[in-house]
Each structure stands twice: as structure tokens, then as C-alpha cells.
């Protein structure tokens, strides 16, 4: 079976950066001019890399991967055929730069979409896959369904259309970014929102109209697709975790430690719940004083949310740790008493899944598909935007060892089944066979 994966990009420092360039391990001798060779197999990336690593070990499977790249570099892995899609012609570069300068972000985004899709189609024509596996409907890859008869299955990640409905927390709107941020903050937020609403959401709707097969894992994403793609067939497919998590020891109750330690992995998008973290920490401050800390990973600057809530992170023991590697995050989770996730909307947050697999007691907001992650009493769900119950349950877990250890035990049971690599690979290959046989 010849499988071709189409992967999108991650956003970092307001640039489109290839997931491959971002996640693959570089040698220590890598030079600053980005010309050094990327080496090593898929052992340093995220869950998608982990999945491909396992699939590539199957004797009857051949894999290709097409992805946007600013460098054109290919990992040194003979098991996989790589197609980095670069945009280097003068026409491509100049047109996008002109529209960027003229603040025509939507026009620029559409040029990028066309360039990327054309590159993907060239890769598909060269590789001749039996099936195409698209990662996510948020990015342009699914548009290839308009131009090929090869069976395509789209693996649902986030879904932009419902995310847009929950973009702003209660009490927040565009004027908040001017009052509590700056004119520049207002402009950048508005510009990003308009590109998402006027281009990306319409593109996602168009993609869902033409995709016949979807892979998802929550009741939430299945119900959303019943609206966006009512005639499509839906398959359940769980997701792999990173090796650093899969191979880790489990969480243990921190007996004798008085200090409360909480961890959260988050981004600073408005709907990710940074405001709830600050308000929950303020409640815990009344209980614990300075005898607790809340480590916030994934962000380094939350000044806007401090001004919006009127709560300074340093005064409620919230510490922004920034972006860290998998090993640092793993150790932080094991050292925590509670993992807390307060996003207003999610599908199946990987950060919750990782904490759950390690057995860290979890308190999470009931947004989107998170409730499916915490089934069988494997975590505590609270309503979105509820800082009072969040703080209360965090305190209960810290003070009640029996509760903490029962949550941990349940989390490990659920997590180890959901993220078992052999089962995930076996079920995915069976999904491919059903699609190819038109079952």
C-alpha cells in the first residue's frame, strides 16, 4: 500500500514554518544559513511524526510525505519519500510581498494556497499513491480533492468554523485589544481574525464539501462534520503520543510536599483560556498564599491578559515558561500535582492526552471534545470560564491523596488504551483498506 501524507505548517513568530523544519532534529553542526542536512529518523517530532515512524516499519507499507518548506531540506530517512514544497520563483515571492505590503492579507493567503496546492499536485503525480492522508482541514491541503480521483481521507485536527464562534471569551472584543494592549495589538488581532473568517473558514467549508472520508476521535468533531460534510463517511482514529511521553515513567503523588504545583500547556490565542488561568490562580492565592506555583508552558508574554483581567501573573504565582522541549515538559508534568486546561474550545488537546497518559490528575474545561478525553472518571471537567470550580477542584486534588491517586489510576488506564501504538496503526491500516475497497 502506497500512502501519501499531506502535512501543513505551524505558525511561529508570525512566519509560516514547515512542520518538518520545525520538528525534525538537526545536527549540532547545523549552520545558521539553514544549509545543513537534517539527520535522524522520526524520533524528535510530535505525535504525527511518531505515527509515521511506526507505519514506516510495516513491510507492506510505503510512505511519502509532502509538506511546505522554507529550506527544501529532506530528512535522512530512506524509509520515506519526501516532497518539500518550496515557493522560490521570483513571481511567487514578489506577488505575495506586494500584497503583504498593501495589507491585502487575504489576497496573499489565496496566492499561497494556490502555490501550495499546485506543489502538492506535482508531488502526487510523481508518487502515484494508492491513498492520500490529509492532516487537518485548517490548511489548504484538502483542496487537492478537487483535482484528483485518488481516494483521500482527512484526519480532523482543529476545526476553524466552530472555533470562530468561541474566538473571544466573555467580555472581550476587538476594542479590548486597544484598551488593554495597543494599536498594533488590535491591528494584528483583527487582521488575523479577518484572514481566518474571510479566507480560511471558507476554504475549510469548501474542503469539507469534497472530502468523502474523515478520521476523527470525539463526539464533537463527528457532530461538526455532520454539518460541514453530511454525506461523508466518518472513521474513528486515535492519535499517537511523542516517544518522550510513551516511554516515560508514571506520575506519583508528592507525599510530604506542602507546596502546590500546577502545569498548563497553552497558546495565547483569546480562546485558549489564559484569562481563566489568571482568575483561577487569584482564587488559589487566597487559599495558599505564596505556597503554590502555576507553570504556564507555550507562552512567554501574557501582558494583554494581565491588563484584561486586572491580575498580574507575578502576583498570583503564574510563571510563563515559554516553549520547551518534550523532555523538559515531561519532567514538569511528573513534578506537578495537577494539570489544568482551561481552553474555551478544543477538539482533543494533545497536552491533556499527554498528562493523562503519564497519570497526572487533570482539571479541564468542558469545551468541544475534551469530555471524550476524560471519560471513565479519568479527570475532572468544569464548565468553561469557571475559575471558582477550577480552583476548588485543584485544591481538592492536592488535599485528598485518595482522590488524586484514583484520578491518576483511571487516567493511565484510559490513556494507555487510547494511545497504544500497535492498536492505532492496526486500526488506521484497516481504515485505509475499507476506503480502498469502498466498504
Protein backbone atom coordinates (compact mmCIF):
# COMPACT_ATOMS: atom_id res chain seq x y z
CA UNK A 1 0.00 0.00 0.00
CA UNK A 2 1.41 3.36 -1.06
CA UNK A 3 0.33 6.12 1.34
CA UNK A 4 0.97 9.82 0.81
CA UNK A 5 0.67 12.20 3.72
CA UNK A 6 -0.05 15.88 3.10
CA UNK A 7 1.02 18.00 6.04
CA UNK A 8 0.52 21.70 6.73
CA UNK A 9 2.56 24.26 8.58
CA UNK A 10 2.88 25.60 12.09
CA UNK A 11 2.87 29.29 12.95
CA UNK A 12 5.84 30.59 14.90
CA UNK A 13 6.93 34.20 15.22
CA UNK A 14 4.31 35.20 12.63
CA UNK A 15 6.01 33.21 9.88
CA UNK A 16 4.86 30.10 8.05
CA UNK A 17 7.35 27.49 9.19
CA UNK A 18 7.33 23.95 7.90
CA UNK A 19 6.39 21.37 10.49
CA UNK A 20 9.24 19.29 9.19
CA UNK A 21 11.74 22.14 9.52
CA UNK A 22 10.35 22.91 12.96
CA UNK A 23 10.13 19.41 14.41
CA UNK A 24 12.93 17.41 12.87
CA UNK A 25 16.18 17.06 14.78
CA UNK A 26 19.17 19.00 13.45
CA UNK A 27 22.77 18.00 13.97
CA UNK A 28 24.85 20.05 16.39
CA UNK A 29 26.86 21.25 13.42
CA UNK A 30 23.83 22.82 11.75
CA UNK A 31 24.83 26.21 10.45
CA UNK A 32 22.93 29.46 10.74
CA UNK A 33 22.36 29.68 6.99
CA UNK A 34 19.96 26.71 7.12
CA UNK A 35 22.02 24.73 4.61
CA UNK A 36 22.99 21.86 6.89
CA UNK A 37 21.49 18.46 6.39
CA UNK A 38 18.72 17.32 8.69
CA UNK A 39 19.56 13.91 10.11
CA UNK A 40 17.90 11.20 12.14
CA UNK A 41 14.66 9.28 11.91
CA UNK A 42 11.31 10.47 13.19
CA UNK A 43 12.23 10.35 16.86
CA UNK A 44 12.15 14.00 17.86
CA UNK A 45 8.86 15.28 16.47
CA UNK A 46 5.29 15.30 17.66
CA UNK A 47 2.56 12.69 17.51
CA UNK A 48 2.27 12.79 13.70
CA UNK A 49 5.97 12.02 13.40
CA UNK A 50 5.57 9.19 15.91
CA UNK A 51 2.75 7.68 13.86
CA UNK A 52 4.71 7.81 10.61
CA UNK A 53 7.69 6.25 12.34
CA UNK A 54 5.57 3.23 13.30
CA UNK A 55 3.88 2.97 9.90
CA UNK A 56 7.22 3.06 8.11
CA UNK A 57 8.23 -0.13 9.91
CA UNK A 58 5.45 -2.13 8.21
CA UNK A 59 6.77 -4.26 5.35
CA UNK A 60 3.70 -3.87 3.12
CA UNK A 61 3.53 -0.07 3.50
CA UNK A 62 5.32 2.63 1.51
CA UNK A 63 5.10 6.22 2.70
CA UNK A 64 5.60 9.63 1.11
CA UNK A 65 5.27 12.98 2.83
CA UNK A 66 4.60 16.33 1.13
CA UNK A 67 4.94 19.45 3.24
CA UNK A 68 5.66 23.18 2.89
CA UNK A 69 9.30 24.05 3.44
CA UNK A 70 11.30 27.24 3.51
CA UNK A 71 14.57 25.35 3.11
CA UNK A 72 13.84 22.42 0.80
CA UNK A 73 15.78 20.15 3.13
CA UNK A 74 14.93 16.45 3.34
CA UNK A 75 15.39 14.32 6.46
CA UNK A 76 17.84 11.44 6.05
CA UNK A 77 15.36 8.58 6.32
CA UNK A 78 15.33 6.05 3.47
CA UNK A 79 12.03 4.56 4.59
CA UNK A 80 10.09 7.63 3.46
CA UNK A 81 9.95 9.64 0.24
CA UNK A 82 9.95 13.38 0.97
CA UNK A 83 8.46 16.17 -1.10
CA UNK A 84 9.30 19.59 0.40
CA UNK A 85 7.15 22.22 -1.30
CA UNK A 86 9.09 25.48 -1.67
CA UNK A 87 7.99 28.84 -3.06
CA UNK A 88 11.08 30.33 -4.60
CA UNK A 89 10.22 31.75 -8.01
CA UNK A 90 10.50 35.50 -8.37
CA UNK A 91 6.85 35.78 -9.39
CA UNK A 92 5.64 33.85 -6.35
CA UNK A 93 7.76 35.81 -3.91
CA UNK A 94 7.13 39.26 -5.39
CA UNK A 95 3.35 38.86 -5.66
CA UNK A 96 2.99 37.79 -2.06
CA UNK A 97 5.31 40.55 -0.83
CA UNK A 98 3.33 43.18 -2.74
CA UNK A 99 0.03 42.07 -1.26
CA UNK A 100 1.58 41.89 2.21
CA UNK A 101 2.85 45.45 1.90
CA UNK A 102 -0.55 46.63 0.69
CA UNK A 103 -2.12 44.93 3.72
CA UNK A 104 -4.05 42.61 1.42
CA UNK A 105 -3.55 39.58 3.61
CA UNK A 106 -6.49 37.63 2.20
CA UNK A 107 -5.21 38.01 -1.35
CA UNK A 108 -1.75 36.94 -0.21
CA UNK A 109 -3.24 33.92 1.60
CA UNK A 110 -5.07 32.82 -1.53
CA UNK A 111 -1.90 33.08 -3.61
CA UNK A 112 -0.16 30.91 -1.03
CA UNK A 113 -2.99 28.37 -1.11
CA UNK A 114 -2.77 28.08 -4.91
CA UNK A 115 1.01 27.77 -4.86
CA UNK A 116 0.92 25.09 -2.18
CA UNK A 117 -1.84 23.05 -3.82
CA UNK A 118 -0.04 23.12 -7.18
CA UNK A 119 3.10 21.86 -5.47
CA UNK A 120 1.15 19.08 -3.78
CA UNK A 121 -0.43 18.01 -7.06
CA UNK A 122 3.01 17.74 -8.66
CA UNK A 123 4.14 15.56 -5.77
CA UNK A 124 1.03 13.36 -6.05
CA UNK A 125 1.57 12.93 -9.79
CA UNK A 126 5.18 11.92 -9.20
CA UNK A 127 4.50 9.44 -6.39
CA UNK A 128 1.24 7.81 -7.60
CA UNK A 129 -0.12 6.87 -4.14
CA UNK A 130 -2.94 4.40 -3.54
CA UNK A 131 -4.42 6.66 -0.87
CA UNK A 132 -3.83 10.24 0.30
CA UNK A 133 -3.97 11.10 4.01
CA UNK A 134 -4.51 14.81 4.69
CA UNK A 135 -3.61 16.19 8.13
CA UNK A 136 -6.26 18.74 9.11
CA UNK A 137 -8.89 20.86 7.41
CA UNK A 138 -7.46 24.17 8.71
CA UNK A 139 -4.86 24.34 5.94
CA UNK A 140 -5.04 24.15 2.12
CA UNK A 141 -4.01 20.50 1.61
CA UNK A 142 -7.57 19.19 1.36
CA UNK A 143 -8.16 21.31 -1.75
CA UNK A 144 -6.38 18.63 -3.79
CA UNK A 145 -9.65 16.67 -3.62
CA UNK A 146 -10.91 18.97 -6.40
CA UNK A 147 -8.17 17.77 -8.76
CA UNK A 148 -7.55 14.05 -8.21
CA UNK A 149 -9.56 10.84 -8.21
CA UNK A 150 -7.19 9.11 -5.78
CA UNK A 151 -9.07 8.28 -2.53
CA UNK A 152 -8.48 10.92 0.15
CA UNK A 153 -9.07 10.67 3.90
CA UNK A 154 -8.80 13.78 6.06
CA UNK A 155 -7.64 13.44 9.66
CA UNK A 156 -9.54 16.04 11.68
CA UNK A 157 -7.43 18.18 13.98
CA UNK A 158 -8.85 21.59 14.87
CA UNK A 159 -11.93 22.93 13.05
CA UNK A 160 -11.91 26.64 12.28
CA UNK A 161 -15.63 27.30 11.79
CA UNK A 162 -16.75 26.46 15.35
CA UNK A 163 -13.52 27.90 16.76
CA UNK A 164 -14.50 31.25 15.32
CA UNK A 165 -17.73 31.22 17.34
CA UNK A 166 -15.66 30.96 20.52
CA UNK A 167 -12.81 33.25 19.47
CA UNK A 168 -13.48 35.85 22.18
CA UNK A 169 -14.05 34.99 25.85
CA UNK A 170 -16.97 36.70 27.63
CA UNK A 171 -16.35 40.42 27.99
CA UNK A 172 -13.68 40.54 25.25
CA UNK A 173 -13.93 42.04 21.78
CA UNK A 174 -11.68 43.88 19.34
CA UNK A 175 -11.78 47.09 21.37
CA UNK A 176 -10.31 45.14 24.31
CA UNK A 177 -7.06 44.84 22.40
CA UNK A 178 -6.87 48.60 22.09
CA UNK A 179 -7.82 49.32 25.71
CA UNK A 180 -5.60 46.67 27.25
CA UNK A 181 -3.00 46.18 24.55
CA UNK A 182 -2.01 48.62 21.85
CA UNK A 183 -2.99 49.81 18.39
CA UNK A 184 -0.53 47.33 16.97
CA UNK A 185 -2.06 44.50 19.02
CA UNK A 186 -5.53 45.47 17.84
CA UNK A 187 -4.43 45.58 14.23
CA UNK A 188 -2.60 42.24 14.27
CA UNK A 189 -5.53 40.50 16.01
CA UNK A 190 -8.10 41.99 13.65
CA UNK A 191 -6.01 41.17 10.60
CA UNK A 192 -5.54 37.55 11.69
CA UNK A 193 -9.23 37.20 12.53
CA UNK A 194 -10.35 38.57 9.15
CA UNK A 195 -7.99 36.25 7.23
CA UNK A 196 -9.37 33.33 9.19
CA UNK A 197 -13.01 34.37 8.74
CA UNK A 198 -12.90 35.55 5.12
CA UNK A 199 -10.43 33.05 3.69
CA UNK A 200 -9.56 30.13 5.94
CA UNK A 201 -13.08 29.30 7.11
CA UNK A 202 -14.47 29.48 3.56
CA UNK A 203 -11.59 27.29 2.39
CA UNK A 204 -12.33 24.79 5.16
CA UNK A 205 -16.01 24.69 4.15
CA UNK A 206 -15.01 24.08 0.54
CA UNK A 207 -12.62 21.29 1.55
CA UNK A 208 -15.28 19.53 3.62
CA UNK A 209 -17.69 19.57 0.67
CA UNK A 210 -15.32 17.50 -1.44
CA UNK A 211 -13.77 15.10 1.07
CA UNK A 212 -15.59 11.76 1.26
CA UNK A 213 -13.79 10.24 4.25
CA UNK A 214 -12.82 11.65 7.63
CA UNK A 215 -10.91 10.31 10.63
CA UNK A 216 -11.85 11.80 13.99
CA UNK A 217 -11.91 10.83 17.65
CA UNK A 218 -14.52 12.84 19.56
CA UNK A 219 -18.29 13.20 19.51
CA UNK A 220 -17.68 16.91 18.98
CA UNK A 221 -15.69 16.60 15.74
CA UNK A 222 -18.11 13.97 14.44
CA UNK A 223 -21.11 16.24 15.06
CA UNK A 224 -19.40 19.22 13.45
CA UNK A 225 -18.65 17.13 10.36
CA UNK A 226 -22.28 16.02 10.20
CA UNK A 227 -22.96 19.68 9.37
CA UNK A 228 -19.91 20.54 7.25
CA UNK A 229 -19.78 17.19 5.41
CA UNK A 230 -23.14 15.46 5.90
CA UNK A 231 -22.58 12.86 3.17
CA UNK A 232 -19.06 11.86 4.17
CA UNK A 233 -18.09 8.66 5.97
CA UNK A 234 -16.52 9.01 9.41
CA UNK A 235 -13.94 6.64 10.92
CA UNK A 236 -12.69 6.67 14.48
CA UNK A 237 -8.93 7.00 14.81
CA UNK A 238 -6.94 7.72 17.96
CA UNK A 239 -3.66 9.58 17.94
CA UNK A 240 -0.10 8.64 18.82
CA UNK A 241 1.90 10.40 21.52
CA UNK A 242 5.50 11.52 21.43
CA UNK A 243 8.18 8.96 22.38
CA UNK A 244 9.21 11.09 25.36
CA UNK A 245 5.73 10.52 26.80
CA UNK A 246 5.16 6.93 25.69
CA UNK A 247 8.46 5.77 27.20
CA UNK A 248 8.17 7.73 30.44
CA UNK A 249 7.66 6.54 33.99
CA UNK A 250 4.32 7.42 35.56
CA UNK A 251 3.26 10.20 37.92
CA UNK A 252 3.43 9.64 41.65
CA UNK A 253 1.67 11.53 44.45
CA UNK A 254 4.09 14.01 46.01
CA UNK A 255 3.83 12.90 49.61
CA UNK A 256 5.04 15.38 52.19
CA UNK A 257 5.28 18.31 49.79
CA UNK A 258 3.18 21.18 51.05
CA UNK A 259 3.65 23.39 48.01
CA UNK A 260 1.02 23.09 45.27
CA UNK A 261 2.43 22.85 41.72
CA UNK A 262 0.18 23.19 38.66
CA UNK A 263 1.12 22.94 34.98
CA UNK A 264 -0.67 24.11 31.85
CA UNK A 265 0.38 24.00 28.20
CA UNK A 266 -1.36 26.67 26.19
CA UNK A 267 -1.10 29.32 23.46
CA UNK A 268 -2.03 32.96 23.92
CA UNK A 269 -4.95 32.97 21.47
CA UNK A 270 -8.00 34.60 23.09
CA UNK A 271 -10.00 31.35 23.22
CA UNK A 272 -7.23 29.34 24.91
CA UNK A 273 -8.27 30.44 28.41
CA UNK A 274 -5.26 32.41 29.67
CA UNK A 275 -7.75 34.77 31.34
CA UNK A 276 -9.30 31.84 33.25
CA UNK A 277 -5.85 30.69 34.38
CA UNK A 278 -5.16 34.10 35.91
CA UNK A 279 -8.55 34.29 37.61
CA UNK A 280 -8.25 30.72 38.93
CA UNK A 281 -4.77 31.47 40.26
CA UNK A 282 -6.16 34.53 42.04
CA UNK A 283 -8.60 32.26 43.91
CA UNK A 284 -5.83 29.84 44.84
CA UNK A 285 -3.75 32.74 46.13
CA UNK A 286 -6.41 33.32 48.78
CA UNK A 287 -6.05 29.70 49.91
CA UNK A 288 -2.32 29.01 49.56
CA UNK A 289 -0.74 32.44 49.64
CA UNK A 290 2.67 32.05 48.02
CA UNK A 291 2.82 28.33 48.71
CA UNK A 292 1.92 27.37 45.14
CA UNK A 293 3.08 27.97 41.57
CA UNK A 294 1.32 27.68 38.23
CA UNK A 295 3.70 26.90 35.37
CA UNK A 296 2.45 28.09 32.00
CA UNK A 297 4.17 26.45 29.02
CA UNK A 298 3.86 27.54 25.40
CA UNK A 299 3.71 31.30 26.02
CA UNK A 300 6.19 33.85 27.27
CA UNK A 301 4.12 37.05 27.18
CA UNK A 302 0.59 37.36 28.63
CA UNK A 303 0.62 41.09 29.35
CA UNK A 304 -2.59 41.65 27.39
CA UNK A 305 -4.45 39.11 29.53
CA UNK A 306 -2.99 40.65 32.68
CA UNK A 307 -4.44 44.02 31.70
CA UNK A 308 -7.72 42.48 30.55
CA UNK A 309 -8.28 40.69 33.87
CA UNK A 310 -6.52 43.24 36.07
CA UNK A 311 -4.41 40.41 37.51
CA UNK A 312 -0.62 40.38 37.26
CA UNK A 313 0.80 36.91 36.76
CA UNK A 314 3.67 37.50 39.18
CA UNK A 315 1.23 38.46 41.93
CA UNK A 316 -0.72 35.19 41.65
CA UNK A 317 2.32 32.93 41.15
CA UNK A 318 1.74 32.25 37.44
CA UNK A 319 5.08 31.73 35.70
CA UNK A 320 5.39 31.86 31.89
CA UNK A 321 7.94 29.19 30.95
CA UNK A 322 7.77 29.69 27.18
CA UNK A 323 8.25 26.91 24.64
CA UNK A 324 10.25 23.95 25.96
CA UNK A 325 11.38 20.59 24.59
CA UNK A 326 9.48 17.36 25.19
CA UNK A 327 11.81 16.14 27.93
CA UNK A 328 11.51 19.38 29.93
CA UNK A 329 7.73 19.31 29.64
CA UNK A 330 7.57 15.64 30.62
CA UNK A 331 9.58 16.25 33.76
CA UNK A 332 7.45 19.27 34.65
CA UNK A 333 4.27 17.21 34.35
CA UNK A 334 5.67 14.50 36.60
CA UNK A 335 6.63 17.15 39.15
CA UNK A 336 3.13 18.70 39.14
CA UNK A 337 0.23 17.98 41.46
CA UNK A 338 -2.38 18.89 38.85
CA UNK A 339 -2.53 19.53 35.12
CA UNK A 340 -5.11 22.22 34.31
CA UNK A 341 -6.53 23.00 30.86
CA UNK A 342 -8.91 25.94 30.50
CA UNK A 343 -9.42 26.40 26.76
CA UNK A 344 -12.89 27.61 25.74
CA UNK A 345 -12.95 25.23 22.77
CA UNK A 346 -10.79 22.28 21.67
CA UNK A 347 -11.12 19.04 19.79
CA UNK A 348 -8.78 16.65 21.60
CA UNK A 349 -5.93 18.65 23.16
CA UNK A 350 -2.67 16.71 22.95
CA UNK A 351 -1.46 18.36 26.13
CA UNK A 352 -4.35 16.81 28.08
CA UNK A 353 -3.68 13.43 26.46
CA UNK A 354 -0.01 13.58 27.45
CA UNK A 355 -0.76 14.48 31.05
CA UNK A 356 -3.39 11.74 31.16
CA UNK A 357 -1.03 9.09 29.79
CA UNK A 358 1.51 9.98 32.48
CA UNK A 359 -1.21 9.78 35.14
CA UNK A 360 -1.20 13.42 36.21
CA UNK A 361 -4.56 14.37 37.82
CA UNK A 362 -6.41 16.67 35.42
CA UNK A 363 -8.88 19.53 35.78
CA UNK A 364 -10.13 20.68 32.36
CA UNK A 365 -12.81 22.91 30.92
CA UNK A 366 -15.65 21.14 29.14
CA UNK A 367 -15.12 22.71 25.72
CA UNK A 368 -15.53 20.85 22.42
CA UNK A 369 -14.21 17.29 22.54
CA UNK A 370 -12.31 17.45 25.84
CA UNK A 371 -15.02 15.50 27.68
CA UNK A 372 -14.31 12.46 25.48
CA UNK A 373 -10.67 12.57 26.56
CA UNK A 374 -11.63 12.42 30.24
CA UNK A 375 -14.17 9.62 30.14
CA UNK A 376 -14.48 6.99 32.89
CA UNK A 377 -13.64 9.45 35.68
CA UNK A 378 -10.12 9.95 34.31
CA UNK A 379 -10.19 13.68 35.06
CA UNK A 380 -12.45 16.41 36.40
CA UNK A 381 -14.46 18.53 33.99
CA UNK A 382 -15.57 22.05 34.87
CA UNK A 383 -17.67 24.47 32.81
CA UNK A 384 -15.72 26.83 30.59
CA UNK A 385 -14.92 30.20 32.19
CA UNK A 386 -15.45 28.84 35.73
CA UNK A 387 -12.48 29.90 37.82
CA UNK A 388 -14.22 29.10 41.11
CA UNK A 389 -14.77 25.41 40.43
CA UNK A 390 -11.37 25.18 38.79
CA UNK A 391 -9.66 26.46 41.93
CA UNK A 392 -11.82 24.29 44.19
CA UNK A 393 -11.09 21.04 42.37
CA UNK A 394 -7.37 21.82 42.17
CA UNK A 395 -7.38 22.27 45.96
CA UNK A 396 -9.37 19.04 46.45
CA UNK A 397 -6.84 17.03 44.43
CA UNK A 398 -3.93 18.48 46.36
CA UNK A 399 -5.50 17.85 49.75
CA UNK A 400 -7.06 14.44 49.03
CA UNK A 401 -4.44 11.81 48.21
CA UNK A 402 -7.06 9.13 47.63
CA UNK A 403 -8.82 11.30 45.05
CA UNK A 404 -5.54 12.21 43.33
CA UNK A 405 -4.38 8.62 43.07
CA UNK A 406 -7.76 7.37 41.84
CA UNK A 407 -7.82 10.04 39.11
CA UNK A 408 -4.26 9.08 38.21
CA UNK A 409 -5.07 5.37 38.00
CA UNK A 410 -8.14 6.00 35.83
CA UNK A 411 -6.18 8.38 33.59
CA UNK A 412 -3.44 5.84 32.97
CA UNK A 413 -5.98 3.12 32.12
CA UNK A 414 -7.78 5.33 29.61
CA UNK A 415 -4.62 6.89 28.21
CA UNK A 416 -2.68 3.67 27.69
CA UNK A 417 -5.57 2.12 25.77
CA UNK A 418 -6.29 5.20 23.66
CA UNK A 419 -2.66 5.81 22.71
CA UNK A 420 -1.45 2.24 22.23
CA UNK A 421 0.78 2.46 19.12
CA UNK A 422 0.10 -1.03 17.76
CA UNK A 423 -3.66 -0.64 18.05
CA UNK A 424 -3.60 2.82 16.43
CA UNK A 425 -1.53 1.62 13.47
CA UNK A 426 -3.63 -1.53 13.02
CA UNK A 427 -6.92 0.42 13.04
CA UNK A 428 -5.56 3.07 10.68
CA UNK A 429 -4.44 0.45 8.14
CA UNK A 430 -7.86 -1.18 8.40
CA UNK A 431 -9.47 2.21 7.70
CA UNK A 432 -7.31 2.57 4.58
CA UNK A 433 -8.35 -0.90 3.38
CA UNK A 434 -12.04 -0.13 3.88
CA UNK A 435 -11.70 3.08 1.88
CA UNK A 436 -9.80 1.39 -0.94
CA UNK A 437 -12.37 -1.44 -1.02
CA UNK A 438 -15.20 1.15 -0.79
CA UNK A 439 -16.72 -0.62 2.24
